[in-house]
Amino acid sequence: MFKSEDDYLSKLLKSGDVSHQKHAVLDAIEKGGVWEECVEWRISTYTETSISPEKFKDEDWFRVVVKCDYEFSCVCPTVDRALEMVALYQQLIFKLFRQVGWPSWATSNSVEPE
């Protein structure tokens, strides 16, 4: 859609495909109003993810929240787009942790303040 030489984020999106969860998301929203997932991806490190319906511009959209020290959120017009954003945010959290650490650290090189 957009012309850009930098395709890092679009590749990151593809590496975290979660579209296979669409039916589980729709079922959970229908039954309880929200789909939630909590995944341990390192020892004692969990990523919490949720998708829930939300009114936006007087229309039914879907609120996405993905957090693990970092927290990302957006609203999407479809469950398909919501799942794409879940995939992107999850992969972004993994990359940010590995490349710059957690935001709760004192600096990118030090967990504790000096």
Protein backbone atom coordinates (compact mmCIF):
# COMPACT_ATOMS: atom_id res chain seq x y z
CA MET A 1 0.00 0.00 0.00
CA PHE A 2 2.70 2.50 0.98
CA LYS A 3 5.96 2.85 -0.88
CA SER A 4 8.89 2.44 1.49
CA GLU A 5 12.38 1.03 1.20
CA ASP A 6 12.31 0.06 4.88
CA ASP A 7 10.30 -3.15 5.23
CA TYR A 8 11.46 -4.14 8.73
CA LEU A 9 8.02 -3.85 10.34
CA SER A 10 6.16 -5.63 7.54
CA LYS A 11 8.63 -8.53 7.84
CA LEU A 12 8.22 -8.47 11.61
CA LEU A 13 4.43 -8.68 11.16
CA LYS A 14 4.77 -11.77 8.97
CA SER A 15 7.11 -13.49 11.44
CA GLY A 16 4.45 -13.44 14.16
CA ASP A 17 1.36 -14.60 12.26
CA VAL A 18 -1.49 -15.40 14.68
CA SER A 19 -4.34 -15.46 12.14
CA HIS A 20 -5.00 -19.12 13.01
CA GLN A 21 -6.52 -17.85 16.29
CA LYS A 22 -9.39 -15.99 14.60
CA HIS A 23 -12.10 -18.52 15.52
CA ALA A 24 -10.91 -18.69 19.14
CA VAL A 25 -10.97 -14.88 19.34
CA LEU A 26 -14.50 -14.64 17.89
CA ASP A 27 -15.78 -17.43 20.16
CA ALA A 28 -14.28 -15.85 23.29
CA ILE A 29 -15.71 -12.43 22.44
CA GLU A 30 -19.14 -13.91 21.78
CA LYS A 31 -19.14 -15.88 25.06
CA GLY A 32 -17.44 -13.45 27.44
CA GLY A 33 -16.84 -10.16 25.66
CA VAL A 34 -13.06 -10.47 25.48
CA TRP A 35 -10.33 -12.78 24.21
CA GLU A 36 -7.30 -12.99 26.48
CA GLU A 37 -4.04 -14.86 26.22
CA CYS A 38 -1.05 -14.99 28.53
CA VAL A 39 2.12 -16.58 27.13
CA GLU A 40 5.38 -17.27 28.95
CA TRP A 41 8.20 -16.77 26.43
CA ARG A 42 11.13 -16.58 28.83
CA ILE A 43 11.43 -17.91 32.36
CA SER A 44 8.94 -15.84 34.39
CA THR A 45 8.38 -13.44 31.48
CA TYR A 46 4.79 -13.26 30.27
CA THR A 47 3.09 -11.35 27.49
CA GLU A 48 -0.56 -10.54 28.10
CA THR A 49 -2.77 -10.02 25.06
CA SER A 50 -6.43 -9.11 24.71
CA ILE A 51 -8.92 -8.25 22.00
CA SER A 52 -12.31 -6.83 22.91
CA PRO A 53 -15.12 -4.98 21.13
CA GLU A 54 -15.13 -1.20 21.47
CA LYS A 55 -17.18 1.60 19.99
CA PHE A 56 -15.06 3.87 17.81
CA LYS A 57 -16.57 6.61 15.65
CA ASP A 58 -20.01 5.13 16.42
CA GLU A 59 -18.97 1.79 14.90
CA ASP A 60 -18.03 -1.59 16.37
CA TRP A 61 -14.25 -1.95 16.32
CA PHE A 62 -11.80 -4.10 18.30
CA ARG A 63 -9.43 -2.89 21.03
CA VAL A 64 -6.05 -4.66 20.98
CA VAL A 65 -3.76 -4.58 24.02
CA VAL A 66 -0.39 -6.35 24.16
CA LYS A 67 1.85 -5.84 27.17
CA CYS A 68 4.95 -7.16 28.85
CA ASP A 69 6.58 -4.16 30.56
CA TYR A 70 6.11 -2.43 27.20
CA GLU A 71 2.44 -1.81 26.44
CA PHE A 72 0.92 -1.34 22.98
CA SER A 73 -2.72 -0.67 22.19
CA CYS A 74 -4.86 0.26 19.20
CA VAL A 75 -8.36 -0.05 17.78
CA CYS A 76 -9.00 -1.98 14.56
CA PRO A 77 -12.05 -2.25 12.31
CA THR A 78 -11.84 -6.06 11.94
CA VAL A 79 -10.68 -9.09 13.91
CA ASP A 80 -8.29 -9.87 11.05
CA ARG A 81 -6.59 -6.50 11.46
CA ALA A 82 -6.63 -6.87 15.26
CA LEU A 83 -4.76 -10.17 14.92
CA GLU A 84 -2.23 -8.57 12.60
CA MET A 85 -1.57 -5.90 15.22
CA VAL A 86 -1.30 -8.54 17.95
CA ALA A 87 1.36 -10.30 15.88
CA LEU A 88 3.27 -7.09 15.24
CA TYR A 89 3.15 -5.90 18.85
CA GLN A 90 4.24 -9.30 20.20
CA GLN A 91 7.20 -9.46 17.84
CA LEU A 92 8.08 -5.84 18.57
CA ILE A 93 8.17 -6.55 22.31
CA PHE A 94 10.52 -9.51 21.74
CA LYS A 95 12.85 -7.41 19.56
CA LEU A 96 12.81 -4.41 21.88
CA PHE A 97 13.70 -6.58 24.86
CA ARG A 98 16.57 -8.26 23.03
CA GLN A 99 17.96 -5.07 21.53
CA VAL A 100 17.36 -2.34 24.13
CA GLY A 101 16.06 -4.08 27.27
CA TRP A 102 12.96 -3.28 29.30
CA PRO A 103 11.67 0.25 29.80
CA SER A 104 11.80 -0.40 33.57
CA TRP A 105 15.60 -0.59 33.43
CA ALA A 106 17.63 2.43 34.52
CA THR A 107 19.31 2.63 31.07
CA SER A 108 19.71 0.34 28.07
CA ASN A 109 22.94 -0.95 29.65
CA SER A 110 21.95 -1.08 33.32
CA VAL A 111 19.02 -2.58 35.19
CA GLU A 112 19.72 -0.58 38.36
CA PRO A 113 20.51 3.15 38.64
CA GLU A 114 24.13 3.98 39.41
